């Protein structure tokens, strides 16, 4: 069941998540990444980064974490790598990093 979050941090005024876990309070976002994103396709890295940032901002605007549940170890590892690189850039710019993201492989 999809879960809608109303937010003022996105132009649409809302963000749809794949669900909500009442035991943790996390907003859930499932990803079926198998061989995606690919290092040689910069647009795929950029798309995943944008998705992480948008979801994190929307979740933070309502005081929640976002939990990405990724189909494969590869996809989860790539998402973690992208988030780490993004946070490294933010740190070098003395800007707050994104801390409300959980990424894990999920069957």
Protein backbone atom coordinates (compact mmCIF):
# COMPACT_ATOMS: atom_id res chain seq x y z
CA UNK A 1 0.00 0.00 0.00
CA UNK A 2 1.41 3.40 -0.96
CA UNK A 3 1.80 6.07 1.69
CA UNK A 4 1.52 9.77 0.86
CA UNK A 5 3.44 12.44 2.73
CA UNK A 6 2.43 16.04 2.35
CA UNK A 7 5.51 18.25 2.34
CA UNK A 8 6.54 21.76 1.46
CA UNK A 9 10.07 20.69 0.39
CA UNK A 10 8.94 19.40 -3.01
CA UNK A 11 7.23 21.41 -5.76
CA UNK A 12 4.37 18.89 -5.96
CA UNK A 13 3.62 19.34 -2.26
CA UNK A 14 3.68 15.58 -1.71
CA UNK A 15 5.86 12.48 -1.92
CA UNK A 16 4.59 8.94 -2.33
CA UNK A 17 6.39 6.13 -0.51
CA UNK A 18 5.82 2.41 -0.88
CA UNK A 19 4.69 2.09 2.72
CA UNK A 20 5.12 2.91 6.37
CA UNK A 21 6.52 0.66 9.11
CA UNK A 22 4.60 1.43 12.32
CA UNK A 23 7.10 -0.50 14.45
CA UNK A 24 9.99 1.80 13.43
CA UNK A 25 8.17 4.87 12.16
CA UNK A 26 10.17 4.62 8.92
CA UNK A 27 8.78 5.52 5.53
CA UNK A 28 9.53 2.66 3.12
CA UNK A 29 10.80 2.87 -0.43
CA UNK A 30 11.37 -0.40 -2.28
CA UNK A 31 13.89 -0.62 -5.11
CA UNK A 32 14.27 -3.49 -7.56
CA UNK A 33 17.82 -2.53 -8.56
CA UNK A 34 19.68 -5.51 -9.99
CA UNK A 35 22.39 -4.15 -12.30
CA UNK A 36 21.52 -0.54 -11.66
CA UNK A 37 22.91 2.06 -11.28
CA UNK A 38 25.97 1.62 -13.44
CA UNK A 39 29.21 3.50 -12.88
CA UNK A 40 29.69 4.05 -16.62
CA UNK A 41 26.25 5.69 -16.92
CA UNK A 42 26.51 8.94 -14.97
CA UNK A 43 22.82 9.68 -15.45
CA UNK A 44 21.97 6.49 -13.53
CA UNK A 45 24.12 7.60 -10.59
CA UNK A 46 22.56 11.08 -10.73
CA UNK A 47 19.02 9.64 -10.82
CA UNK A 48 19.59 7.43 -7.79
CA UNK A 49 21.22 10.31 -5.90
CA UNK A 50 18.28 12.60 -6.70
CA UNK A 51 15.85 9.92 -5.53
CA UNK A 52 17.71 9.43 -2.24
CA UNK A 53 17.89 13.17 -1.58
CA UNK A 54 14.23 13.82 -2.49
CA UNK A 55 12.99 10.96 -0.31
CA UNK A 56 15.22 11.96 2.61
CA UNK A 57 14.07 15.58 2.49
CA UNK A 58 10.41 14.61 2.32
CA UNK A 59 10.79 12.17 5.22
CA UNK A 60 12.74 14.69 7.31
CA UNK A 61 10.04 17.30 6.73
CA UNK A 62 7.66 15.11 8.74
CA UNK A 63 10.26 13.95 11.27
CA UNK A 64 10.81 10.47 9.81
CA UNK A 65 13.58 8.30 8.40
CA UNK A 66 13.33 6.76 4.97
CA UNK A 67 14.22 3.09 4.66
CA UNK A 68 15.19 1.91 1.20
CA UNK A 69 14.60 -1.82 0.81
CA UNK A 70 16.66 -2.96 -2.14
CA UNK A 71 16.26 -6.27 -3.99
CA UNK A 72 19.97 -7.04 -4.39
CA UNK A 73 23.19 -6.63 -2.45
CA UNK A 74 24.64 -4.86 -5.51
CA UNK A 75 21.85 -2.28 -5.56
CA UNK A 76 22.04 -1.67 -1.82
CA UNK A 77 25.82 -1.31 -1.95
CA UNK A 78 25.64 1.15 -4.86
CA UNK A 79 23.00 3.24 -3.06
CA UNK A 80 25.18 3.35 0.07
CA UNK A 81 28.18 4.36 -2.04
CA UNK A 82 26.21 7.16 -3.74
CA UNK A 83 24.89 8.47 -0.41
CA UNK A 84 28.38 8.40 1.12
CA UNK A 85 29.83 10.36 -1.82
CA UNK A 86 26.97 12.90 -1.62
CA UNK A 87 27.47 13.35 2.13
CA UNK A 88 31.22 13.73 1.62
CA UNK A 89 30.58 16.57 -0.82
CA UNK A 90 28.18 18.23 1.63
CA UNK A 91 30.77 17.95 4.42
CA UNK A 92 33.45 19.58 2.29
CA UNK A 93 31.01 22.45 1.66
CA UNK A 94 30.27 22.70 5.41
CA UNK A 95 26.63 21.82 4.80
CA UNK A 96 24.54 19.41 6.86
CA UNK A 97 24.68 15.82 5.68
CA UNK A 98 21.75 13.48 5.15
CA UNK A 99 21.45 11.25 8.20
CA UNK A 100 17.87 9.96 8.03
CA UNK A 101 18.42 7.26 5.39
CA UNK A 102 18.57 3.51 5.98
CA UNK A 103 19.56 1.29 3.04
CA UNK A 104 19.36 -2.49 3.22
CA UNK A 105 18.95 -5.53 1.06
CA UNK A 106 15.45 -6.89 1.42
CA UNK A 107 14.11 -10.05 -0.18
